[in-house]
Amino acid sequence: MKNKDIMALSDAELLDKIKEEKAALGKLKVNHNVSPIENPITIRNARKTIARLATEATKRKKASK
């Protein structure tokens, strides 16, 4: 996801998306441990997406104070 797409999400959608991405990352890691996935860069990209989402959530939380 791009940052402009993340900024367009509402607060509830943002939290839901974080949960979805974390679940997807967990599945990717398990699948990679069982048998190596074709492109391990997808794990790194998933972590970065989660970090972008979490950063936006933190930014909004601090702005609301």
PDB file of N, CA and C in Angstrom:
ATOM      1  N   MET A   1       0.833  -1.192   0.000  1.00  0.00           N
ATOM      2  CA  MET A   1       0.000   0.000   0.000  1.00  0.00           C
ATOM      3  C   MET A   1       0.875   1.253   0.000  1.00  0.00           C
ATOM      4  N   LYS A   2       0.423   2.205  -0.711  1.00  0.00           N
ATOM      5  CA  LYS A   2       1.101   3.491  -0.741  1.00  0.00           C
ATOM      6  C   LYS A   2       0.620   4.341   0.427  1.00  0.00           C
ATOM      7  N   ASN A   3       1.423   5.332   0.798  1.00  0.00           N
ATOM      8  CA  ASN A   3       1.066   6.189   1.925  1.00  0.00           C
ATOM      9  C   ASN A   3      -0.221   6.959   1.692  1.00  0.00           C
ATOM     10  N   LYS A   4      -0.467   7.389   0.460  1.00  0.00           N
ATOM     11  CA  LYS A   4      -1.695   8.143   0.195  1.00  0.00           C
ATOM     12  C   LYS A   4      -2.919   7.243   0.343  1.00  0.00           C
ATOM     13  N   ASP A   5      -2.772   5.954   0.037  1.00  0.00           N
ATOM     14  CA  ASP A   5      -3.867   5.009   0.247  1.00  0.00           C
ATOM     15  C   ASP A   5      -4.122   4.805   1.738  1.00  0.00           C
ATOM     16  N   ILE A   6      -3.059   4.755   2.512  1.00  0.00           N
ATOM     17  CA  ILE A   6      -3.168   4.568   3.959  1.00  0.00           C
ATOM     18  C   ILE A   6      -3.825   5.785   4.593  1.00  0.00           C
ATOM     19  N   MET A   7      -3.453   6.974   4.149  1.00  0.00           N
ATOM     20  CA  MET A   7      -4.014   8.201   4.711  1.00  0.00           C
ATOM     21  C   MET A   7      -5.510   8.321   4.410  1.00  0.00           C
ATOM     22  N   ALA A   8      -5.963   7.703   3.332  1.00  0.00           N
ATOM     23  CA  ALA A   8      -7.367   7.778   2.949  1.00  0.00           C
ATOM     24  C   ALA A   8      -8.255   6.880   3.809  1.00  0.00           C
ATOM     25  N   LEU A   9      -7.666   5.946   4.537  1.00  0.00           N
ATOM     26  CA  LEU A   9      -8.448   5.030   5.367  1.00  0.00           C
ATOM     27  C   LEU A   9      -8.961   5.735   6.619  1.00  0.00           C
ATOM     28  N   SER A  10     -10.135   5.317   7.084  1.00  0.00           N
ATOM     29  CA  SER A  10     -10.643   5.837   8.352  1.00  0.00           C
ATOM     30  C   SER A  10      -9.913   5.128   9.489  1.00  0.00           C
ATOM     31  N   ASP A  11     -10.125   5.606  10.715  1.00  0.00           N
ATOM     32  CA  ASP A  11      -9.440   5.020  11.863  1.00  0.00           C
ATOM     33  C   ASP A  11      -9.802   3.546  12.044  1.00  0.00           C
ATOM     34  N   ALA A  12     -11.071   3.221  11.918  1.00  0.00           N
ATOM     35  CA  ALA A  12     -11.505   1.834  12.090  1.00  0.00           C
ATOM     36  C   ALA A  12     -10.947   0.948  10.976  1.00  0.00           C
ATOM     37  N   GLU A  13     -10.969   1.448   9.757  1.00  0.00           N
ATOM     38  CA  GLU A  13     -10.419   0.694   8.633  1.00  0.00           C
ATOM     39  C   GLU A  13      -8.923   0.475   8.806  1.00  0.00           C
ATOM     40  N   LEU A  14      -8.246   1.469   9.352  1.00  0.00           N
ATOM     41  CA  LEU A  14      -6.808   1.382   9.569  1.00  0.00           C
ATOM     42  C   LEU A  14      -6.482   0.266  10.553  1.00  0.00           C
ATOM     43  N   LEU A  15      -7.209   0.200  11.664  1.00  0.00           N
ATOM     44  CA  LEU A  15      -6.972  -0.847  12.654  1.00  0.00           C
ATOM     45  C   LEU A  15      -7.302  -2.223  12.093  1.00  0.00           C
ATOM     46  N   ASP A  16      -8.378  -2.327  11.318  1.00  0.00           N
ATOM     47  CA  ASP A  16      -8.732  -3.602  10.694  1.00  0.00           C
ATOM     48  C   ASP A  16      -7.654  -4.050   9.711  1.00  0.00           C
ATOM     49  N   LYS A  17      -7.132  -3.100   8.953  1.00  0.00           N
ATOM     50  CA  LYS A  17      -6.101  -3.412   7.964  1.00  0.00           C
ATOM     51  C   LYS A  17      -4.826  -3.892   8.655  1.00  0.00           C
ATOM     52  N   ILE A  18      -4.490  -3.309   9.807  1.00  0.00           N
ATOM     53  CA  ILE A  18      -3.314  -3.747  10.555  1.00  0.00           C
ATOM     54  C   ILE A  18      -3.493  -5.200  10.982  1.00  0.00           C
ATOM     55  N   LYS A  19      -4.677  -5.537  11.502  1.00  0.00           N
ATOM     56  CA  LYS A  19      -4.936  -6.914  11.923  1.00  0.00           C
ATOM     57  C   LYS A  19      -4.842  -7.882  10.752  1.00  0.00           C
ATOM     58  N   GLU A  20      -5.412  -7.505   9.610  1.00  0.00           N
ATOM     59  CA  GLU A  20      -5.373  -8.354   8.422  1.00  0.00           C
ATOM     60  C   GLU A  20      -3.941  -8.587   7.958  1.00  0.00           C
ATOM     61  N   GLU A  21      -3.163  -7.517   7.912  1.00  0.00           N
ATOM     62  CA  GLU A  21      -1.783  -7.624   7.435  1.00  0.00           C
ATOM     63  C   GLU A  21      -0.930  -8.461   8.383  1.00  0.00           C
ATOM     64  N   LYS A  22      -1.150  -8.328   9.690  1.00  0.00           N
ATOM     65  CA  LYS A  22      -0.398  -9.136  10.653  1.00  0.00           C
ATOM     66  C   LYS A  22      -0.744 -10.611  10.496  1.00  0.00           C
ATOM     67  N   ALA A  23      -2.016 -10.920  10.262  1.00  0.00           N
ATOM     68  CA  ALA A  23      -2.424 -12.306  10.055  1.00  0.00           C
ATOM     69  C   ALA A  23      -1.793 -12.857   8.773  1.00  0.00           C
ATOM     70  N   ALA A  24      -1.785 -12.054   7.732  1.00  0.00           N
ATOM     71  CA  ALA A  24      -1.188 -12.479   6.457  1.00  0.00           C
ATOM     72  C   ALA A  24       0.317 -12.706   6.614  1.00  0.00           C
ATOM     73  N   LEU A  25       0.982 -11.852   7.388  1.00  0.00           N
ATOM     74  CA  LEU A  25       2.409 -12.007   7.625  1.00  0.00           C
ATOM     75  C   LEU A  25       2.684 -13.300   8.389  1.00  0.00           C
ATOM     76  N   GLY A  26       1.856 -13.593   9.369  1.00  0.00           N
ATOM     77  CA  GLY A  26       2.021 -14.837  10.123  1.00  0.00           C
ATOM     78  C   GLY A  26       1.905 -16.052   9.214  1.00  0.00           C
ATOM     79  N   LYS A  27       0.928 -16.034   8.315  1.00  0.00           N
ATOM     80  CA  LYS A  27       0.756 -17.145   7.373  1.00  0.00           C
ATOM     81  C   LYS A  27       1.954 -17.258   6.437  1.00  0.00           C
ATOM     82  N   LEU A  28       2.457 -16.103   5.980  1.00  0.00           N
ATOM     83  CA  LEU A  28       3.628 -16.121   5.102  1.00  0.00           C
ATOM     84  C   LEU A  28       4.825 -16.744   5.801  1.00  0.00           C
ATOM     85  N   LYS A  29       5.036 -16.388   7.061  1.00  0.00           N
ATOM     86  CA  LYS A  29       6.168 -16.919   7.808  1.00  0.00           C
ATOM     87  C   LYS A  29       6.051 -18.433   8.003  1.00  0.00           C
ATOM     88  N   VAL A  30       4.844 -18.891   8.334  1.00  0.00           N
ATOM     89  CA  VAL A  30       4.645 -20.328   8.514  1.00  0.00           C
ATOM     90  C   VAL A  30       4.883 -21.064   7.202  1.00  0.00           C
ATOM     91  N   ASN A  31       4.314 -20.546   6.127  1.00  0.00           N
ATOM     92  CA  ASN A  31       4.509 -21.174   4.821  1.00  0.00           C
ATOM     93  C   ASN A  31       5.980 -21.195   4.416  1.00  0.00           C
ATOM     94  N   HIS A  32       6.698 -20.140   4.760  1.00  0.00           N
ATOM     95  CA  HIS A  32       8.120 -20.066   4.415  1.00  0.00           C
ATOM     96  C   HIS A  32       8.930 -21.061   5.237  1.00  0.00           C
ATOM     97  N   ASN A  33       8.539 -21.300   6.495  1.00  0.00           N
ATOM     98  CA  ASN A  33       9.253 -22.265   7.323  1.00  0.00           C
ATOM     99  C   ASN A  33       8.998 -23.699   6.860  1.00  0.00           C
ATOM    100  N   VAL A  34       7.791 -23.971   6.393  1.00  0.00           N
ATOM    101  CA  VAL A  34       7.450 -25.310   5.930  1.00  0.00           C
ATOM    102  C   VAL A  34       8.179 -25.618   4.623  1.00  0.00           C
ATOM    103  N   SER A  35       7.998 -24.766   3.657  1.00  0.00           N
ATOM    104  CA  SER A  35       8.720 -24.899   2.393  1.00  0.00           C
ATOM    105  C   SER A  35       9.008 -23.488   1.895  1.00  0.00           C
ATOM    106  N   PRO A  36      10.231 -23.230   1.481  1.00  0.00           N
ATOM    107  CA  PRO A  36      10.597 -21.870   1.075  1.00  0.00           C
ATOM    108  C   PRO A  36       9.664 -21.319  -0.006  1.00  0.00           C
ATOM    109  N   ILE A  37       9.192 -20.088   0.238  1.00  0.00           N
ATOM    110  CA  ILE A  37       8.323 -19.465  -0.747  1.00  0.00           C
ATOM    111  C   ILE A  37       9.172 -18.971  -1.913  1.00  0.00           C
ATOM    112  N   GLU A  38       8.505 -18.762  -3.037  1.00  0.00           N
ATOM    113  CA  GLU A  38       9.219 -18.411  -4.257  1.00  0.00           C
ATOM    114  C   GLU A  38       9.935 -17.062  -4.142  1.00  0.00           C
ATOM    115  N   ASN A  39       9.261 -16.080  -3.520  1.00  0.00           N
ATOM    116  CA  ASN A  39       9.845 -14.740  -3.420  1.00  0.00           C
ATOM    117  C   ASN A  39       9.830 -14.295  -1.957  1.00  0.00           C
ATOM    118  N   PRO A  40      10.924 -14.500  -1.222  1.00  0.00           N
ATOM    119  CA  PRO A  40      10.944 -14.129   0.192  1.00  0.00           C
ATOM    120  C   PRO A  40      10.874 -12.624   0.451  1.00  0.00           C
ATOM    121  N   ILE A  41      11.015 -11.819  -0.593  1.00  0.00           N
ATOM    122  CA  ILE A  41      10.916 -10.369  -0.441  1.00  0.00           C
ATOM    123  C   ILE A  41       9.501  -9.977  -0.017  1.00  0.00           C
ATOM    124  N   THR A  42       8.506 -10.833  -0.298  1.00  0.00           N
ATOM    125  CA  THR A  42       7.130 -10.525   0.093  1.00  0.00           C
ATOM    126  C   THR A  42       7.004 -10.417   1.610  1.00  0.00           C
ATOM    127  N   ILE A  43       7.824 -11.167   2.343  1.00  0.00           N
ATOM    128  CA  ILE A  43       7.806 -11.070   3.807  1.00  0.00           C
ATOM    129  C   ILE A  43       8.278  -9.676   4.229  1.00  0.00           C
ATOM    130  N   ARG A  44       9.339  -9.206   3.624  1.00  0.00           N
ATOM    131  CA  ARG A  44       9.868  -7.883   3.950  1.00  0.00           C
ATOM    132  C   ARG A  44       8.850  -6.797   3.602  1.00  0.00           C
ATOM    133  N   ASN A  45       8.222  -6.935   2.444  1.00  0.00           N
ATOM    134  CA  ASN A  45       7.226  -5.950   2.032  1.00  0.00           C
ATOM    135  C   ASN A  45       6.025  -5.939   2.979  1.00  0.00           C
ATOM    136  N   ALA A  46       5.627  -7.103   3.456  1.00  0.00           N
ATOM    137  CA  ALA A  46       4.515  -7.180   4.400  1.00  0.00           C
ATOM    138  C   ALA A  46       4.873  -6.478   5.709  1.00  0.00           C
ATOM    139  N   ARG A  47       6.100  -6.676   6.181  1.00  0.00           N
ATOM    140  CA  ARG A  47       6.543  -5.997   7.411  1.00  0.00           C
ATOM    141  C   ARG A  47       6.544  -4.490   7.225  1.00  0.00           C
ATOM    142  N   LYS A  48       6.991  -4.029   6.077  1.00  0.00           N
ATOM    143  CA  LYS A  48       7.033  -2.593   5.810  1.00  0.00           C
ATOM    144  C   LYS A  48       5.632  -2.003   5.739  1.00  0.00           C
ATOM    145  N   THR A  49       4.708  -2.730   5.155  1.00  0.00           N
ATOM    146  CA  THR A  49       3.320  -2.264   5.080  1.00  0.00           C
ATOM    147  C   THR A  49       2.723  -2.146   6.472  1.00  0.00           C
ATOM    148  N   ILE A  50       2.987  -3.134   7.319  1.00  0.00           N
ATOM    149  CA  ILE A  50       2.493  -3.084   8.701  1.00  0.00           C
ATOM    150  C   ILE A  50       3.094  -1.884   9.418  1.00  0.00           C
ATOM    151  N   ALA A  51       4.366  -1.623   9.199  1.00  0.00           N
ATOM    152  CA  ALA A  51       5.018  -0.478   9.830  1.00  0.00           C
ATOM    153  C   ALA A  51       4.404   0.838   9.358  1.00  0.00           C
ATOM    154  N   ARG A  52       4.096   0.939   8.070  1.00  0.00           N
ATOM    155  CA  ARG A  52       3.462   2.164   7.548  1.00  0.00           C
ATOM    156  C   ARG A  52       2.091   2.374   8.190  1.00  0.00           C
ATOM    157  N   LEU A  53       1.327   1.280   8.286  1.00  0.00           N
ATOM    158  CA  LEU A  53       0.000   1.372   8.898  1.00  0.00           C
ATOM    159  C   LEU A  53       0.099   1.762  10.370  1.00  0.00           C
ATOM    160  N   ALA A  54       1.021   1.157  11.085  1.00  0.00           N
ATOM    161  CA  ALA A  54       1.182   1.452  12.511  1.00  0.00           C
ATOM    162  C   ALA A  54       1.653   2.881  12.717  1.00  0.00           C
ATOM    163  N   THR A  55       2.514   3.367  11.844  1.00  0.00           N
ATOM    164  CA  THR A  55       2.996   4.743  11.945  1.00  0.00           C
ATOM    165  C   THR A  55       1.847   5.730  11.772  1.00  0.00           C
ATOM    166  N   GLU A  56       0.993   5.478  10.794  1.00  0.00           N
ATOM    167  CA  GLU A  56      -0.156   6.359  10.565  1.00  0.00           C
ATOM    168  C   GLU A  56      -1.114   6.315  11.755  1.00  0.00           C
ATOM    169  N   ALA A  57      -1.312   5.128  12.333  1.00  0.00           N
ATOM    170  CA  ALA A  57      -2.190   5.003  13.495  1.00  0.00           C
ATOM    171  C   ALA A  57      -1.634   5.798  14.676  1.00  0.00           C
ATOM    172  N   THR A  58      -0.329   5.716  14.886  1.00  0.00           N
ATOM    173  CA  THR A  58       0.311   6.458  15.974  1.00  0.00           C
ATOM    174  C   THR A  58       0.233   7.958  15.725  1.00  0.00           C
ATOM    175  N   LYS A  59       0.443   8.367  14.486  1.00  0.00           N
ATOM    176  CA  LYS A  59       0.374   9.785  14.144  1.00  0.00           C
ATOM    177  C   LYS A  59      -1.015  10.346  14.426  1.00  0.00           C
ATOM    178  N   ARG A  60      -2.045   9.584  14.060  1.00  0.00           N
ATOM    179  CA  ARG A  60      -3.424  10.031  14.303  1.00  0.00           C
ATOM    180  C   ARG A  60      -3.735  10.057  15.788  1.00  0.00           C
ATOM    181  N   LYS A  61      -3.222   9.107  16.515  1.00  0.00           N
ATOM    182  CA  LYS A  61      -3.467   9.054  17.965  1.00  0.00           C
ATOM    183  C   LYS A  61      -2.852  10.269  18.649  1.00  0.00           C
ATOM    184  N   LYS A  62      -1.630  10.615  18.259  1.00  0.00           N
ATOM    185  CA  LYS A  62      -0.963  11.775  18.848  1.00  0.00           C
ATOM    186  C   LYS A  62      -1.640  13.085  18.443  1.00  0.00           C
ATOM    187  N   ALA A  63      -2.155  13.136  17.227  1.00  0.00           N
ATOM    188  CA  ALA A  63      -2.821  14.348  16.750  1.00  0.00           C
ATOM    189  C   ALA A  63      -4.137  14.583  17.463  1.00  0.00           C
ATOM    190  N   SER A  64      -4.777  13.519  17.908  1.00  0.00           N
ATOM    191  CA  SER A  64      -6.078  13.675  18.575  1.00  0.00           C
ATOM    192  C   SER A  64      -5.940  14.130  20.022  1.00  0.00           C
ATOM    193  N   LYS A  65      -4.746  14.069  20.571  1.00  0.00           N
ATOM    194  CA  LYS A  65      -4.545  14.483  21.971  1.00  0.00           C
ATOM    195  C   LYS A  65      -4.510  15.965  22.133  1.00  0.00           C
TER     196      LYS A  65
END
